[in-house]
Amino acid sequence: MLEAPTVTLYLARRDAYADFLSAADTESRVAHFRSEGRYKEEEAIAAVDAAYAATRDKFNVIDIEGVGPIKEARAVLEQLQAMHKDGGVNPDWRDFKAAREEFVKSAGDFLRKSLGEE
């Protein structure tokens, strides 16, 4: 049977990873809407800035701990940043999705390992 501190830490990490993914998905949706022209330029910049701030905030929770899928989370941030270049007219969905999938895999592996599962 798992001890309460192990379960508590598992749940906190799981929630932090899920929150980061949700923020990244929201930011990618902003990039999608921007590329489709659903925003006026000043609205697009404001939406990107707000989405970026939220994603970065959720990343900081992962980064500060110093363990787990930090490298993979950073790759997601890099792909999101690349999607906003050149006014967001040509976002690279393939690379973002690949980075996101790698984060999900690494986060799941890390969580299972933290519970003693392999």
N, C-alpha and C. Protein backbone atom coordinates (compact mmCIF):
# COMPACT_ATOMS: atom_id res chain seq x y z
N MET A 1 0.84 -1.18 0.00
CA MET A 1 0.00 0.00 0.00
C MET A 1 0.89 1.25 0.00
N LEU A 2 0.47 2.23 -0.75
CA LEU A 2 1.23 3.47 -0.86
C LEU A 2 0.98 4.35 0.35
N GLU A 3 2.03 5.06 0.76
CA GLU A 3 1.91 5.99 1.87
C GLU A 3 1.25 7.28 1.39
N ALA A 4 0.57 7.96 2.31
CA ALA A 4 -0.17 9.19 1.97
C ALA A 4 0.72 10.26 1.32
N PRO A 5 1.95 10.51 1.81
CA PRO A 5 2.77 11.53 1.14
C PRO A 5 3.09 11.19 -0.32
N THR A 6 3.26 9.91 -0.62
CA THR A 6 3.53 9.49 -2.00
C THR A 6 2.33 9.77 -2.88
N VAL A 7 1.16 9.45 -2.39
CA VAL A 7 -0.07 9.69 -3.15
C VAL A 7 -0.32 11.19 -3.32
N THR A 8 -0.09 11.94 -2.28
CA THR A 8 -0.29 13.40 -2.34
C THR A 8 0.64 14.02 -3.38
N LEU A 9 1.90 13.62 -3.36
CA LEU A 9 2.86 14.14 -4.33
C LEU A 9 2.48 13.71 -5.75
N TYR A 10 2.07 12.45 -5.91
CA TYR A 10 1.62 11.96 -7.22
C TYR A 10 0.48 12.83 -7.75
N LEU A 11 -0.52 13.08 -6.91
CA LEU A 11 -1.68 13.86 -7.34
C LEU A 11 -1.31 15.30 -7.67
N ALA A 12 -0.42 15.89 -6.88
CA ALA A 12 0.01 17.26 -7.16
C ALA A 12 0.74 17.33 -8.50
N ARG A 13 1.61 16.37 -8.76
CA ARG A 13 2.33 16.35 -10.03
C ARG A 13 1.38 16.09 -11.19
N ARG A 14 0.48 15.15 -11.02
CA ARG A 14 -0.49 14.85 -12.08
C ARG A 14 -1.29 16.10 -12.43
N ASP A 15 -1.75 16.79 -11.41
CA ASP A 15 -2.52 18.01 -11.65
C ASP A 15 -1.68 19.10 -12.31
N ALA A 16 -0.43 19.22 -11.90
CA ALA A 16 0.45 20.22 -12.52
C ALA A 16 0.68 19.91 -13.99
N TYR A 17 0.88 18.64 -14.32
CA TYR A 17 1.09 18.24 -15.71
C TYR A 17 -0.17 18.47 -16.53
N ALA A 18 -1.32 18.12 -15.96
CA ALA A 18 -2.59 18.33 -16.68
C ALA A 18 -2.87 19.82 -16.87
N ASP A 19 -2.59 20.62 -15.85
CA ASP A 19 -2.80 22.07 -15.98
C ASP A 19 -1.90 22.66 -17.07
N PHE A 20 -0.65 22.19 -17.12
CA PHE A 20 0.26 22.67 -18.16
C PHE A 20 -0.26 22.28 -19.54
N LEU A 21 -0.72 21.04 -19.70
CA LEU A 21 -1.26 20.61 -21.00
C LEU A 21 -2.49 21.43 -21.39
N SER A 22 -3.35 21.69 -20.45
CA SER A 22 -4.54 22.50 -20.74
C SER A 22 -4.16 23.90 -21.18
N ALA A 23 -3.19 24.50 -20.50
CA ALA A 23 -2.73 25.83 -20.89
C ALA A 23 -2.08 25.80 -22.27
N ALA A 24 -1.28 24.78 -22.55
CA ALA A 24 -0.64 24.65 -23.86
C ALA A 24 -1.69 24.47 -24.95
N ASP A 25 -2.71 23.68 -24.67
CA ASP A 25 -3.78 23.47 -25.65
C ASP A 25 -4.55 24.78 -25.90
N THR A 26 -4.77 25.55 -24.86
CA THR A 26 -5.43 26.84 -25.02
C THR A 26 -4.57 27.76 -25.87
N GLU A 27 -3.27 27.78 -25.60
CA GLU A 27 -2.39 28.63 -26.40
C GLU A 27 -2.34 28.17 -27.85
N SER A 28 -2.36 26.87 -28.09
CA SER A 28 -2.35 26.40 -29.47
C SER A 28 -3.65 26.76 -30.18
N ARG A 29 -4.75 26.78 -29.43
CA ARG A 29 -6.03 27.19 -30.00
C ARG A 29 -5.99 28.68 -30.39
N VAL A 30 -5.33 29.49 -29.58
CA VAL A 30 -5.15 30.91 -29.92
C VAL A 30 -4.36 31.01 -31.22
N ALA A 31 -3.29 30.21 -31.33
CA ALA A 31 -2.49 30.22 -32.57
C ALA A 31 -3.34 29.80 -33.77
N HIS A 32 -4.19 28.80 -33.56
CA HIS A 32 -5.07 28.33 -34.63
C HIS A 32 -6.03 29.45 -35.06
N PHE A 33 -6.70 30.06 -34.09
CA PHE A 33 -7.64 31.13 -34.41
C PHE A 33 -6.93 32.30 -35.09
N ARG A 34 -5.72 32.60 -34.62
CA ARG A 34 -4.96 33.69 -35.22
C ARG A 34 -4.62 33.38 -36.67
N SER A 35 -4.19 32.16 -36.93
CA SER A 35 -3.82 31.79 -38.30
C SER A 35 -5.02 31.81 -39.24
N GLU A 36 -6.20 31.58 -38.69
CA GLU A 36 -7.42 31.64 -39.50
C GLU A 36 -7.96 33.06 -39.66
N GLY A 37 -7.32 34.03 -38.99
CA GLY A 37 -7.74 35.41 -39.10
C GLY A 37 -8.94 35.76 -38.24
N ARG A 38 -9.18 35.00 -37.19
CA ARG A 38 -10.33 35.27 -36.33
C ARG A 38 -10.10 36.46 -35.38
N TYR A 39 -8.87 36.93 -35.33
CA TYR A 39 -8.53 38.08 -34.49
C TYR A 39 -8.07 39.23 -35.36
N LYS A 40 -8.39 40.44 -34.95
CA LYS A 40 -7.70 41.60 -35.50
C LYS A 40 -6.31 41.57 -34.90
N GLU A 41 -5.35 42.22 -35.54
CA GLU A 41 -3.96 42.08 -35.12
C GLU A 41 -3.73 42.46 -33.65
N GLU A 42 -4.31 43.55 -33.20
CA GLU A 42 -4.09 43.94 -31.80
C GLU A 42 -4.76 42.95 -30.85
N GLU A 43 -5.90 42.39 -31.24
CA GLU A 43 -6.54 41.35 -30.43
C GLU A 43 -5.70 40.09 -30.41
N ALA A 44 -5.10 39.76 -31.54
CA ALA A 44 -4.24 38.57 -31.63
C ALA A 44 -3.06 38.70 -30.69
N ILE A 45 -2.43 39.85 -30.68
CA ILE A 45 -1.27 40.05 -29.81
C ILE A 45 -1.69 39.92 -28.35
N ALA A 46 -2.81 40.51 -27.99
CA ALA A 46 -3.30 40.42 -26.61
C ALA A 46 -3.63 38.98 -26.24
N ALA A 47 -4.27 38.25 -27.16
CA ALA A 47 -4.63 36.85 -26.89
C ALA A 47 -3.38 35.98 -26.76
N VAL A 48 -2.41 36.20 -27.62
CA VAL A 48 -1.16 35.44 -27.55
C VAL A 48 -0.45 35.74 -26.24
N ASP A 49 -0.37 37.01 -25.88
CA ASP A 49 0.31 37.39 -24.62
C ASP A 49 -0.37 36.75 -23.41
N ALA A 50 -1.69 36.77 -23.37
CA ALA A 50 -2.42 36.18 -22.25
C ALA A 50 -2.24 34.67 -22.20
N ALA A 51 -2.32 34.03 -23.36
CA ALA A 51 -2.16 32.57 -23.42
C ALA A 51 -0.74 32.18 -23.04
N TYR A 52 0.24 32.93 -23.53
CA TYR A 52 1.64 32.65 -23.20
C TYR A 52 1.86 32.78 -21.70
N ALA A 53 1.33 33.83 -21.09
CA ALA A 53 1.51 34.04 -19.65
C ALA A 53 0.91 32.87 -18.86
N ALA A 54 -0.25 32.39 -19.26
CA ALA A 54 -0.89 31.27 -18.57
C ALA A 54 -0.07 29.99 -18.73
N THR A 55 0.40 29.73 -19.94
CA THR A 55 1.20 28.53 -20.17
C THR A 55 2.49 28.58 -19.38
N ARG A 56 3.15 29.72 -19.41
CA ARG A 56 4.41 29.88 -18.68
C ARG A 56 4.19 29.72 -17.18
N ASP A 57 3.09 30.24 -16.67
CA ASP A 57 2.76 30.11 -15.26
C ASP A 57 2.63 28.63 -14.87
N LYS A 58 1.97 27.86 -15.70
CA LYS A 58 1.80 26.43 -15.41
C LYS A 58 3.11 25.66 -15.58
N PHE A 59 3.95 26.11 -16.52
CA PHE A 59 5.26 25.49 -16.68
C PHE A 59 6.13 25.72 -15.45
N ASN A 60 6.04 26.90 -14.87
CA ASN A 60 6.88 27.23 -13.72
C ASN A 60 6.67 26.25 -12.57
N VAL A 61 5.48 25.76 -12.38
CA VAL A 61 5.20 24.78 -11.33
C VAL A 61 6.02 23.51 -11.58
N ILE A 62 6.11 23.10 -12.83
CA ILE A 62 6.89 21.91 -13.19
C ILE A 62 8.38 22.21 -13.08
N ASP A 63 8.79 23.34 -13.59
CA ASP A 63 10.20 23.71 -13.63
C ASP A 63 10.81 23.87 -12.24
N ILE A 64 10.08 24.46 -11.32
CA ILE A 64 10.61 24.76 -10.00
C ILE A 64 10.95 23.49 -9.22
N GLU A 65 10.24 22.41 -9.48
CA GLU A 65 10.50 21.18 -8.75
C GLU A 65 11.83 20.56 -9.15
N GLY A 66 12.20 20.72 -10.40
CA GLY A 66 13.50 20.25 -10.84
C GLY A 66 13.59 18.76 -11.18
N VAL A 67 12.47 18.07 -11.20
CA VAL A 67 12.44 16.66 -11.58
C VAL A 67 11.26 16.43 -12.52
N GLY A 68 11.28 15.31 -13.20
CA GLY A 68 10.17 14.97 -14.08
C GLY A 68 10.41 15.44 -15.51
N PRO A 69 9.34 15.59 -16.27
CA PRO A 69 9.45 15.88 -17.70
C PRO A 69 9.68 17.36 -18.02
N ILE A 70 10.67 17.95 -17.41
CA ILE A 70 10.95 19.38 -17.61
C ILE A 70 11.43 19.63 -19.03
N LYS A 71 12.35 18.81 -19.50
CA LYS A 71 12.89 18.98 -20.86
C LYS A 71 11.76 18.90 -21.89
N GLU A 72 10.86 17.97 -21.70
CA GLU A 72 9.75 17.79 -22.63
C GLU A 72 8.76 18.96 -22.55
N ALA A 73 8.53 19.47 -21.34
CA ALA A 73 7.65 20.64 -21.19
C ALA A 73 8.28 21.85 -21.87
N ARG A 74 9.58 21.99 -21.73
CA ARG A 74 10.28 23.11 -22.37
C ARG A 74 10.15 23.00 -23.90
N ALA A 75 10.20 21.78 -24.42
CA ALA A 75 10.04 21.58 -25.87
C ALA A 75 8.64 22.01 -26.33
N VAL A 76 7.63 21.75 -25.51
CA VAL A 76 6.27 22.21 -25.83
C VAL A 76 6.25 23.73 -25.90
N LEU A 77 6.88 24.38 -24.91
CA LEU A 77 6.93 25.85 -24.91
C LEU A 77 7.64 26.36 -26.17
N GLU A 78 8.72 25.73 -26.54
CA GLU A 78 9.47 26.15 -27.74
C GLU A 78 8.62 26.03 -29.00
N GLN A 79 7.86 24.95 -29.10
CA GLN A 79 7.01 24.77 -30.27
C GLN A 79 5.87 25.77 -30.29
N LEU A 80 5.33 26.07 -29.12
CA LEU A 80 4.29 27.11 -29.06
C LEU A 80 4.86 28.45 -29.49
N GLN A 81 6.04 28.77 -29.00
CA GLN A 81 6.67 30.03 -29.37
C GLN A 81 6.88 30.10 -30.88
N ALA A 82 7.32 29.00 -31.47
CA ALA A 82 7.55 28.97 -32.92
C ALA A 82 6.25 29.18 -33.69
N MET A 83 5.13 28.74 -33.13
CA MET A 83 3.85 28.89 -33.81
C MET A 83 3.43 30.36 -33.91
N HIS A 84 3.96 31.20 -33.04
CA HIS A 84 3.59 32.62 -33.03
C HIS A 84 4.51 33.48 -33.89
N LYS A 85 5.59 32.91 -34.40
CA LYS A 85 6.53 33.69 -35.21
C LYS A 85 5.88 34.15 -36.50
N ASP A 86 6.41 35.19 -37.06
CA ASP A 86 5.91 35.74 -38.33
C ASP A 86 4.43 36.06 -38.29
N GLY A 87 3.98 36.55 -37.14
CA GLY A 87 2.57 36.92 -37.02
C GLY A 87 1.64 35.74 -36.94
N GLY A 88 2.18 34.55 -36.71
CA GLY A 88 1.36 33.36 -36.55
C GLY A 88 0.64 32.90 -37.80
N VAL A 89 1.16 33.29 -38.97
CA VAL A 89 0.45 32.95 -40.21
C VAL A 89 0.65 31.50 -40.64
N ASN A 90 1.71 30.86 -40.18
CA ASN A 90 1.99 29.50 -40.63
C ASN A 90 2.48 28.63 -39.47
N PRO A 91 1.62 28.36 -38.49
CA PRO A 91 2.06 27.56 -37.35
C PRO A 91 2.37 26.12 -37.75
N ASP A 92 3.36 25.54 -37.09
CA ASP A 92 3.78 24.16 -37.36
C ASP A 92 3.07 23.22 -36.36
N TRP A 93 1.93 22.71 -36.78
CA TRP A 93 1.14 21.85 -35.90
C TRP A 93 1.81 20.52 -35.66
N ARG A 94 2.48 20.00 -36.65
CA ARG A 94 3.11 18.68 -36.53
C ARG A 94 4.14 18.66 -35.41
N ASP A 95 5.02 19.66 -35.39
CA ASP A 95 6.06 19.70 -34.37
C ASP A 95 5.47 19.96 -32.98
N PHE A 96 4.44 20.80 -32.91
CA PHE A 96 3.79 21.03 -31.62
C PHE A 96 3.16 19.74 -31.11
N LYS A 97 2.42 19.05 -31.96
CA LYS A 97 1.76 17.82 -31.54
C LYS A 97 2.77 16.76 -31.12
N ALA A 98 3.89 16.67 -31.83
CA ALA A 98 4.93 15.70 -31.46
C ALA A 98 5.53 16.04 -30.10
N ALA A 99 5.78 17.32 -29.85
CA ALA A 99 6.32 17.73 -28.55
C ALA A 99 5.30 17.47 -27.44
N ARG A 100 4.04 17.74 -27.74
CA ARG A 100 2.99 17.51 -26.74
C ARG A 100 2.89 16.02 -26.41
N GLU A 101 2.89 15.18 -27.44
CA GLU A 101 2.81 13.73 -27.22
C GLU A 101 4.00 13.22 -26.41
N GLU A 102 5.19 13.75 -26.67
CA GLU A 102 6.37 13.34 -25.92
C GLU A 102 6.25 13.77 -24.46
N PHE A 103 5.70 14.96 -24.22
CA PHE A 103 5.48 15.39 -22.84
C PHE A 103 4.51 14.45 -22.14
N VAL A 104 3.40 14.13 -22.79
CA VAL A 104 2.40 13.24 -22.18
C VAL A 104 3.03 11.89 -21.84
N LYS A 105 3.80 11.34 -22.77
CA LYS A 105 4.45 10.05 -22.52
C LYS A 105 5.42 10.14 -21.35
N SER A 106 6.25 11.15 -21.35
CA SER A 106 7.26 11.30 -20.29
C SER A 106 6.61 11.57 -18.94
N ALA A 107 5.57 12.39 -18.93
CA ALA A 107 4.87 12.68 -17.67
C ALA A 107 4.23 11.41 -17.13
N GLY A 108 3.59 10.64 -17.99
CA GLY A 108 2.98 9.38 -17.55
C GLY A 108 4.00 8.40 -17.03
N ASP A 109 5.12 8.28 -17.74
CA ASP A 109 6.19 7.39 -17.28
C ASP A 109 6.70 7.82 -15.91
N PHE A 110 6.93 9.13 -15.74
CA PHE A 110 7.44 9.65 -14.47
C PHE A 110 6.44 9.40 -13.34
N LEU A 111 5.16 9.61 -13.62
CA LEU A 111 4.13 9.39 -12.59
C LEU A 111 4.05 7.92 -12.20
N ARG A 112 4.06 7.04 -13.18
CA ARG A 112 4.01 5.61 -12.87
C ARG A 112 5.24 5.20 -12.05
N LYS A 113 6.38 5.69 -12.40
CA LYS A 113 7.61 5.38 -11.68
C LYS A 113 7.52 5.89 -10.23
N SER A 114 6.91 7.06 -10.04
CA SER A 114 6.80 7.60 -8.69
C SER A 114 5.91 6.74 -7.79
N LEU A 115 5.05 5.94 -8.40
CA LEU A 115 4.20 5.01 -7.65
C LEU A 115 4.81 3.62 -7.56
N GLY A 116 6.00 3.46 -8.11
CA GLY A 116 6.65 2.16 -8.07
C GLY A 116 6.24 1.24 -9.19
N GLU A 117 5.52 1.77 -10.17
CA GLU A 117 5.12 0.98 -11.33
C GLU A 117 6.12 1.24 -12.43
N GLU A 118 6.31 0.32 -13.27
CA GLU A 118 7.25 0.52 -14.39
C GLU A 118 6.60 0.08 -15.67
